[in-house]
Amino acid sequence: MVNNNKIINDPVHGFINIPSGLIQEIIEHPYFQRLRDIKQLGMTNLVYPGATHSRLIHAIGAMHLMKEAIVTLRSKGVDIDSSEEEASMCAMLLHDIGHGPFSHTLEHNILRGISHEEISLAMMRQINKEKEGRLEKTIQIFEDGYPKHFLHQLVSSQLDVDRLDYLRRDSFFSGVAEGMIGHERIIKMLNVHDNSLVVEEKGIYSVEKFLISRRLMYWQVYLHKTVIAAEQLLIQILIRASELVNNSVDLPGSPAIIYFMKNTFSREDLNNKALLDKFALLDDNDFISAIKQWQSCDDKILSSLCRDLTMRRLPKIVLSSEPVDYEGSDGSGYLVRSGEVLNSGYDIKGEYIGILSKDGIVRNIYDISDMLSAKAFSQVTKKYFLCTAKS
């Protein structure tokens, strides 16, 4: 029998094995391949120039960590058959497939009010139709409808392989050392108790470090004030361009970008293959190309916003623990923007991270960790921002 497995060299995890069959078919699918032209961190490269890695390599890295986690669990007697392994690895490949251009930056702005998770699920179902039902188990695991709940927790929880990969990867490419978590040790400490994912107690310090690192990465990278300013500028460009297109102004741009600016869609429309195919044509390049062209358009607001982004002339931004009042807005809503951002270290109201003691008792890490009991860490931190144009 010919071995058609492939190997790729990932700068974060080293050599990653790509099994033949369904996994390779998913990677070759146009819905997945588009992720190579969508940056994992959106506009963050305007602050950290090395942060240009793609959603595609993150998905493959997360798939690799899922394989590592399953190997660990099997070594401890957890029953996971080959079909469940493949389905779980496919879930990690597909968990972010619904992201649009610049990842989270333009989420809810292209397909307004619809999250990338909803688009991901719709794309999974469409691929499942094409593959004649071979992704049924993957979808069940993704939606937490499969009997083995711990498999879903590996895909989506407060300690999932998605977070383990993106923290390490984003730290590597941004150069921010706070995200360099010990993901190998965390994976080796995983176990299953009463159908739930747990961490053996000797791994508690690695989990604490993971939670601290995630909180610090949010303030230093994901919610860096200059990143927020750049994201707000990009959102305003899309809003203004859409407004012009819907007022019969002829703007240059790819057919896909013009299509989504002209039309609005509901969640029911996600069942339409034609819409998903059209969405899959969008990537960062569509917006970068359009913004370069819109710099010279007749509309002074749009051309000015586009020139500001192209020249990295980002808005001034103020972060505050209290809502920011501002007087003197020009009334357009394009030159002055306000909003809020949230950062939480550990969600004490969500499904907790269980620590398995040697006597077989599972406890919430929040209850037994001195570090996590700190008020500042367990609470959600909200900051308000005000962006004003420099020009």
Protein backbone atom coordinates (compact mmCIF):
# COMPACT_ATOMS: atom_id res chain seq x y z
CA MET A 1 0.00 0.00 0.00
CA VAL A 2 1.36 3.38 -1.06
CA ASN A 3 1.80 5.94 1.75
CA ASN A 4 0.47 9.25 0.43
CA ASN A 5 1.01 11.15 3.68
CA LYS A 6 2.64 14.54 3.29
CA ILE A 7 4.93 16.49 5.61
CA ILE A 8 5.18 20.26 5.97
CA ASN A 9 7.80 22.20 7.91
CA ASP A 10 6.10 24.59 10.32
CA PRO A 11 8.37 27.20 11.99
CA VAL A 12 6.46 26.80 15.28
CA HIS A 13 5.89 23.04 15.64
CA GLY A 14 8.49 21.64 13.26
CA PHE A 15 7.55 18.84 10.88
CA ILE A 16 3.78 18.23 10.70
CA ASN A 17 2.39 15.06 9.17
CA ILE A 18 -0.61 15.53 6.86
CA PRO A 19 -2.48 12.19 6.62
CA SER A 20 -3.82 11.11 3.26
CA GLY A 21 -7.54 10.84 2.63
CA LEU A 22 -10.15 13.24 3.97
CA ILE A 23 -7.70 15.57 5.72
CA GLN A 24 -5.71 16.18 2.56
CA GLU A 25 -8.95 16.64 0.60
CA ILE A 26 -10.05 19.37 3.03
CA ILE A 27 -6.71 21.15 2.82
CA GLU A 28 -6.95 21.13 -0.98
CA HIS A 29 -10.53 22.49 -0.95
CA PRO A 30 -10.93 26.08 -2.25
CA TYR A 31 -12.72 27.13 0.96
CA PHE A 32 -9.64 26.13 2.94
CA GLN A 33 -6.98 27.33 0.51
CA ARG A 34 -8.36 30.89 0.66
CA LEU A 35 -7.13 31.04 4.26
CA ARG A 36 -3.53 31.40 3.04
CA ASP A 37 -4.41 34.95 1.96
CA ILE A 38 -6.13 35.92 5.23
CA LYS A 39 -3.81 37.17 7.94
CA GLN A 40 -4.29 35.56 11.34
CA LEU A 41 -3.88 38.87 13.18
CA GLY A 42 -5.60 41.29 10.81
CA MET A 43 -4.05 44.75 11.10
CA THR A 44 -1.56 43.79 13.84
CA ASN A 45 1.37 43.82 11.42
CA LEU A 46 1.13 47.63 11.43
CA VAL A 47 2.46 47.41 15.01
CA TYR A 48 4.40 44.12 14.88
CA PRO A 49 5.70 43.85 11.29
CA GLY A 50 6.43 40.12 11.56
CA ALA A 51 2.82 39.23 12.37
CA THR A 52 1.82 38.36 8.81
CA HIS A 53 1.15 34.63 9.29
CA SER A 54 -2.02 33.21 7.79
CA ARG A 55 -5.17 31.52 9.05
CA LEU A 56 -4.17 28.49 6.99
CA ILE A 57 -1.00 27.67 8.92
CA HIS A 58 -2.79 28.27 12.23
CA ALA A 59 -5.48 25.75 11.24
CA ILE A 60 -2.85 23.18 10.29
CA GLY A 61 -0.96 23.84 13.53
CA ALA A 62 -4.13 23.37 15.58
CA MET A 63 -4.81 20.12 13.72
CA HIS A 64 -1.31 18.96 14.64
CA LEU A 65 -1.88 19.72 18.33
CA MET A 66 -5.19 17.83 18.20
CA LYS A 67 -3.26 14.79 16.98
CA GLU A 68 -0.75 15.21 19.81
CA ALA A 69 -3.55 15.48 22.38
CA ILE A 70 -5.23 12.33 21.09
CA VAL A 71 -1.94 10.41 21.25
CA THR A 72 -1.57 11.51 24.90
CA LEU A 73 -5.14 10.55 25.84
CA ARG A 74 -4.83 7.14 24.18
CA SER A 75 -1.65 6.47 26.13
CA LYS A 76 -3.72 6.93 29.31
CA GLY A 77 -6.37 4.45 28.25
CA VAL A 78 -8.92 6.86 26.75
CA ASP A 79 -10.87 5.14 23.95
CA ILE A 80 -10.61 7.18 20.74
CA ASP A 81 -10.98 5.24 17.50
CA SER A 82 -9.45 6.17 14.15
CA SER A 83 -12.66 7.73 12.79
CA GLU A 84 -12.97 9.95 15.89
CA GLU A 85 -9.33 10.97 15.52
CA GLU A 86 -9.82 11.94 11.90
CA ALA A 87 -13.07 13.78 12.66
CA SER A 88 -11.44 15.74 15.50
CA MET A 89 -8.47 16.70 13.32
CA CYS A 90 -10.87 17.82 10.57
CA ALA A 91 -12.77 19.94 13.12
CA MET A 92 -9.55 21.79 13.90
CA LEU A 93 -8.78 22.31 10.23
CA LEU A 94 -12.25 23.77 9.70
CA HIS A 95 -12.87 25.65 12.96
CA ASP A 96 -11.83 29.04 11.45
CA ILE A 97 -12.77 28.42 7.82
CA GLY A 98 -15.51 31.06 7.99
CA HIS A 99 -13.17 33.96 8.72
CA GLY A 100 -13.33 36.81 6.24
CA PRO A 101 -10.65 39.31 5.18
CA PHE A 102 -8.46 40.57 8.04
CA SER A 103 -9.97 37.95 10.36
CA HIS A 104 -11.80 39.52 13.33
CA THR A 105 -11.40 43.11 12.11
CA LEU A 106 -14.21 43.00 9.55
CA GLU A 107 -16.29 40.29 11.25
CA HIS A 108 -19.97 41.33 11.34
CA ASN A 109 -19.22 44.01 8.72
CA ILE A 110 -19.13 41.96 5.50
CA LEU A 111 -21.94 39.56 6.38
CA ARG A 112 -23.45 41.98 8.85
CA GLY A 113 -24.45 40.51 12.19
CA ILE A 114 -23.21 37.01 11.31
CA SER A 115 -20.23 35.54 13.18
CA HIS A 116 -17.36 33.61 11.64
CA GLU A 117 -18.42 30.54 13.66
CA GLU A 118 -21.79 30.53 11.88
CA ILE A 119 -20.10 30.87 8.49
CA SER A 120 -17.62 28.11 9.42
CA LEU A 121 -20.47 25.74 10.26
CA ALA A 122 -22.28 26.58 7.00
CA MET A 123 -19.10 25.89 5.02
CA MET A 124 -18.57 22.60 6.88
CA ARG A 125 -22.09 21.52 5.94
CA GLN A 126 -21.51 22.45 2.32
CA ILE A 127 -18.23 20.51 2.18
CA ASN A 128 -20.02 17.61 3.91
CA LYS A 129 -22.55 17.54 1.06
CA GLU A 130 -19.74 17.46 -1.47
CA LYS A 131 -18.01 14.66 0.46
CA GLU A 132 -21.26 12.65 0.72
CA GLY A 133 -21.58 12.83 4.49
CA ARG A 134 -17.98 12.08 5.44
CA LEU A 135 -17.91 15.13 7.74
CA GLU A 136 -20.97 14.18 9.82
CA LYS A 137 -18.91 13.20 12.85
CA THR A 138 -16.74 16.32 12.48
CA ILE A 139 -19.83 18.55 12.57
CA GLN A 140 -21.21 16.70 15.60
CA ILE A 141 -17.95 17.23 17.47
CA PHE A 142 -17.82 20.90 16.44
CA GLU A 143 -21.41 21.50 17.62
CA ASP A 144 -20.93 19.46 20.82
CA GLY A 145 -23.48 16.91 19.67
CA TYR A 146 -21.15 13.91 19.81
CA PRO A 147 -21.34 11.60 22.86
CA LYS A 148 -17.66 12.10 23.73
CA HIS A 149 -17.88 15.64 25.07
CA PHE A 150 -14.14 15.87 25.71
CA LEU A 151 -13.49 15.87 21.96
CA HIS A 152 -15.53 19.07 21.63
CA GLN A 153 -13.60 20.55 24.56
CA LEU A 154 -10.37 19.97 22.63
CA VAL A 155 -11.91 22.01 19.80
CA SER A 156 -13.56 24.74 21.86
CA SER A 157 -13.17 25.40 25.59
CA GLN A 158 -11.10 27.53 27.97
CA LEU A 159 -8.19 25.18 27.32
CA ASP A 160 -8.45 24.00 23.72
CA VAL A 161 -5.83 23.25 21.10
CA ASP A 162 -6.95 26.31 19.12
CA ARG A 163 -5.76 28.60 21.92
CA LEU A 164 -2.62 26.56 22.51
CA ASP A 165 -1.61 27.04 18.89
CA TYR A 166 -2.53 30.69 18.38
CA LEU A 167 -0.84 31.89 21.56
CA ARG A 168 2.43 30.17 20.69
CA ARG A 169 2.20 31.11 17.01
CA ASP A 170 1.20 34.74 17.54
CA SER A 171 3.99 35.12 20.09
CA PHE A 172 6.51 33.64 17.66
CA PHE A 173 5.60 35.90 14.73
CA SER A 174 4.95 39.10 16.71
CA GLY A 175 8.08 38.69 18.83
CA VAL A 176 6.09 39.23 22.04
CA ALA A 177 7.58 36.73 24.48
CA GLU A 178 4.61 36.67 26.88
CA GLY A 179 2.78 34.21 24.62
CA MET A 180 5.49 31.55 24.75
CA ILE A 181 3.45 28.99 26.67
CA GLY A 182 4.52 25.45 27.49
CA HIS A 183 1.91 23.82 25.28
CA GLU A 184 3.82 20.53 25.10
CA ARG A 185 3.59 20.02 28.87
CA ILE A 186 -0.08 21.02 28.97
CA ILE A 187 -0.89 18.43 26.31
CA LYS A 188 1.08 15.75 28.15
CA MET A 189 -0.92 16.49 31.32
CA LEU A 190 -4.35 16.12 29.65
CA ASN A 191 -6.69 13.34 30.71
CA VAL A 192 -10.40 12.50 30.67
CA HIS A 193 -12.64 12.13 33.74
CA ASP A 194 -16.40 11.48 33.53
CA ASN A 195 -16.36 12.31 29.79
CA SER A 196 -14.78 15.74 30.43
CA LEU A 197 -11.31 17.00 29.61
CA VAL A 198 -9.15 17.57 32.69
CA VAL A 199 -5.54 18.42 33.51
CA GLU A 200 -3.56 16.30 35.95
CA GLU A 201 -2.63 18.35 39.01
CA LYS A 202 1.10 18.41 38.30
CA GLY A 203 0.26 20.47 35.19
CA ILE A 204 -1.53 23.23 37.10
CA TYR A 205 1.39 25.70 36.92
CA SER A 206 1.60 25.31 33.14
CA VAL A 207 -2.12 26.06 32.89
CA GLU A 208 -1.72 29.11 35.13
CA LYS A 209 1.07 30.35 32.87
CA PHE A 210 -1.18 29.73 29.85
CA LEU A 211 -4.00 31.82 31.34
CA ILE A 212 -1.66 34.66 32.33
CA SER A 213 -0.02 34.62 28.89
CA ARG A 214 -3.38 34.81 27.14
CA ARG A 215 -4.43 37.83 29.19
CA LEU A 216 -1.13 39.60 28.57
CA MET A 217 -1.22 38.83 24.83
CA TYR A 218 -4.61 40.49 24.59
CA TRP A 219 -3.34 43.79 25.97
CA GLN A 220 0.04 43.68 24.24
CA VAL A 221 -1.01 42.31 20.85
CA TYR A 222 -4.69 41.69 20.12
CA LEU A 223 -6.01 44.83 21.89
CA HIS A 224 -2.93 47.01 21.46
CA LYS A 225 -4.26 50.55 21.16
CA THR A 226 -2.60 51.18 17.80
CA VAL A 227 -4.07 47.94 16.44
CA ILE A 228 -7.51 49.09 17.59
CA ALA A 229 -6.98 52.42 15.81
CA ALA A 230 -6.00 50.67 12.56
CA GLU A 231 -8.97 48.32 12.78
CA GLN A 232 -11.38 51.19 13.32
CA LEU A 233 -9.96 52.97 10.29
CA LEU A 234 -10.42 49.87 8.11
CA ILE A 235 -14.00 49.43 9.33
CA GLN A 236 -14.79 53.05 8.49
CA ILE A 237 -13.37 52.59 5.00
CA LEU A 238 -15.71 49.63 4.40
CA ILE A 239 -18.72 51.49 5.83
CA ARG A 240 -18.08 54.59 3.69
CA ALA A 241 -17.43 52.57 0.52
CA SER A 242 -20.63 50.56 1.07
CA GLU A 243 -22.58 53.76 1.56
CA LEU A 244 -21.29 55.14 -1.74
CA VAL A 245 -21.92 51.91 -3.67
CA ASN A 246 -25.49 51.79 -2.37
CA ASN A 247 -25.93 55.38 -3.55
CA SER A 248 -25.01 54.31 -7.11
CA VAL A 249 -21.44 55.56 -6.97
CA ASP A 250 -19.27 53.44 -9.26
CA LEU A 251 -16.26 52.33 -7.20
CA PRO A 252 -13.52 50.03 -8.50
CA GLY A 253 -13.08 46.68 -6.77
CA SER A 254 -13.33 42.93 -7.27
CA PRO A 255 -16.79 41.56 -8.15
CA ALA A 256 -16.93 39.83 -4.76
CA ILE A 257 -16.22 42.94 -2.69
CA ILE A 258 -18.76 45.02 -4.64
CA TYR A 259 -21.34 42.24 -4.29
CA PHE A 260 -21.10 42.14 -0.49
CA MET A 261 -21.13 45.93 -0.18
CA LYS A 262 -24.32 46.12 -2.23
CA ASN A 263 -26.27 43.35 -0.52
CA THR A 264 -27.35 42.33 2.97
CA PHE A 265 -27.93 38.74 4.04
CA SER A 266 -29.64 36.76 6.78
CA ARG A 267 -28.51 33.59 8.55
CA GLU A 268 -30.87 31.60 6.31
CA ASP A 269 -28.84 32.73 3.29
CA LEU A 270 -25.88 30.72 4.61
CA ASN A 271 -27.65 27.63 3.24
CA ASN A 272 -27.03 29.00 -0.25
CA LYS A 273 -23.95 27.44 -1.87
CA ALA A 274 -23.65 30.33 -4.33
CA LEU A 275 -23.32 32.80 -1.44
CA LEU A 276 -20.67 30.68 0.29
CA ASP A 277 -18.75 30.34 -2.98
CA LYS A 278 -18.87 34.10 -3.45
CA PHE A 279 -17.72 34.70 0.15
CA ALA A 280 -14.84 32.27 -0.42
CA LEU A 281 -13.55 34.57 -3.17
CA LEU A 282 -12.83 37.30 -0.61
CA ASP A 283 -9.46 37.64 1.08
CA ASP A 284 -7.16 40.40 2.33
CA ASN A 285 -5.95 41.09 -1.21
CA ASP A 286 -9.41 42.26 -2.35
CA PHE A 287 -9.43 45.01 0.25
CA ILE A 288 -5.79 45.97 -0.12
CA SER A 289 -6.24 46.37 -3.89
CA ALA A 290 -9.51 48.27 -3.52
CA ILE A 291 -8.11 50.64 -0.87
CA LYS A 292 -5.18 51.51 -3.14
CA GLN A 293 -7.65 52.42 -5.90
CA TRP A 294 -10.08 54.25 -3.63
CA GLN A 295 -7.32 56.66 -2.60
CA SER A 296 -7.96 58.58 -5.80
CA CYS A 297 -11.76 58.42 -5.86
CA ASP A 298 -13.86 61.61 -5.98
CA ASP A 299 -15.33 61.17 -2.50
CA LYS A 300 -13.12 63.17 -0.17
CA ILE A 301 -14.00 61.16 2.94
CA LEU A 302 -13.24 57.75 1.41
CA SER A 303 -10.10 58.91 -0.39
CA SER A 304 -8.79 60.53 2.80
CA LEU A 305 -9.48 57.43 4.92
CA CYS A 306 -7.76 55.19 2.37
CA ARG A 307 -4.71 57.42 2.11
CA ASP A 308 -4.45 57.47 5.91
CA LEU A 309 -4.39 53.66 6.06
CA THR A 310 -2.00 53.24 3.14
CA MET A 311 0.44 55.77 4.62
CA ARG A 312 -0.05 54.36 8.16
CA ARG A 313 -1.41 57.71 9.30
CA LEU A 314 -3.55 56.10 11.96
CA PRO A 315 -6.12 57.86 14.16
CA LYS A 316 -5.16 59.16 17.55
CA ILE A 317 -6.59 56.88 20.20
CA VAL A 318 -7.29 57.27 23.90
CA LEU A 319 -8.03 54.30 26.17
CA SER A 320 -9.89 54.87 29.42
CA SER A 321 -11.50 52.85 32.19
CA GLU A 322 -14.51 55.19 31.93
CA PRO A 323 -16.66 56.04 28.87
CA VAL A 324 -15.02 58.82 26.89
CA ASP A 325 -17.09 61.91 26.14
CA TYR A 326 -16.09 63.94 23.12
CA GLU A 327 -17.37 67.27 21.90
CA GLY A 328 -16.65 68.70 18.51
CA SER A 329 -17.45 65.81 16.18
CA ASP A 330 -17.90 66.88 12.59
CA GLY A 331 -21.13 64.88 12.53
CA SER A 332 -19.99 62.52 9.79
CA GLY A 333 -19.15 59.67 12.16
CA TYR A 334 -16.07 58.87 10.07
CA LEU A 335 -13.49 61.08 11.75
CA VAL A 336 -14.47 60.39 15.35
CA ARG A 337 -15.18 56.89 16.61
CA SER A 338 -15.72 55.48 20.09
CA GLY A 339 -16.29 52.02 21.47
CA GLU A 340 -15.14 49.48 24.03
CA VAL A 341 -12.90 46.41 24.27
CA LEU A 342 -13.02 43.50 26.71
CA ASN A 343 -10.31 41.25 28.14
CA SER A 344 -10.91 38.32 30.49
CA GLY A 345 -8.31 36.01 31.96
CA TYR A 346 -10.51 33.17 33.12
CA ASP A 347 -14.27 33.01 32.65
CA ILE A 348 -15.56 31.87 36.03
CA LYS A 349 -19.09 31.60 34.62
CA GLY A 350 -18.11 29.34 31.72
CA GLU A 351 -17.23 25.65 31.63
CA TYR A 352 -14.33 25.46 34.03
CA ILE A 353 -10.86 23.97 33.60
CA GLY A 354 -10.82 20.86 35.78
CA ILE A 355 -7.72 19.83 37.70
CA LEU A 356 -7.56 16.09 38.46
CA SER A 357 -5.92 15.29 41.78
CA LYS A 358 -4.14 12.03 42.60
CA ASP A 359 -7.12 10.92 44.67
CA GLY A 360 -9.37 11.15 41.59
CA ILE A 361 -11.23 14.34 42.54
CA VAL A 362 -11.71 17.07 39.92
CA ARG A 363 -11.65 20.68 41.13
CA ASN A 364 -12.12 23.98 39.34
CA ILE A 365 -8.69 25.56 38.81
CA TYR A 366 -10.17 28.86 40.01
CA ASP A 367 -10.88 27.36 43.43
CA ILE A 368 -7.42 25.90 44.04
CA SER A 369 -5.14 28.42 42.35
CA ASP A 370 -3.76 31.30 44.43
CA MET A 371 -2.96 33.21 41.27
CA LEU A 372 -6.43 32.91 39.69
CA SER A 373 -8.22 34.00 42.87
CA ALA A 374 -6.91 37.53 42.39
CA LYS A 375 -9.85 39.85 41.72
CA ALA A 376 -8.10 41.67 38.89
CA PHE A 377 -7.48 38.43 37.02
CA SER A 378 -10.86 36.75 37.32
CA GLN A 379 -12.94 39.78 36.37
CA VAL A 380 -13.57 40.95 32.83
CA THR A 381 -11.66 44.17 32.19
CA LYS A 382 -13.46 46.70 30.02
CA LYS A 383 -11.72 49.67 28.45
CA TYR A 384 -13.28 52.43 26.40
CA PHE A 385 -11.61 54.05 23.41
CA LEU A 386 -11.94 57.22 21.40
CA CYS A 387 -10.40 57.51 17.93
CA THR A 388 -9.95 60.87 16.24
CA ALA A 389 -8.40 61.53 12.85
CA LYS A 390 -4.93 63.07 12.78
CA SER A 391 -5.50 64.98 9.57
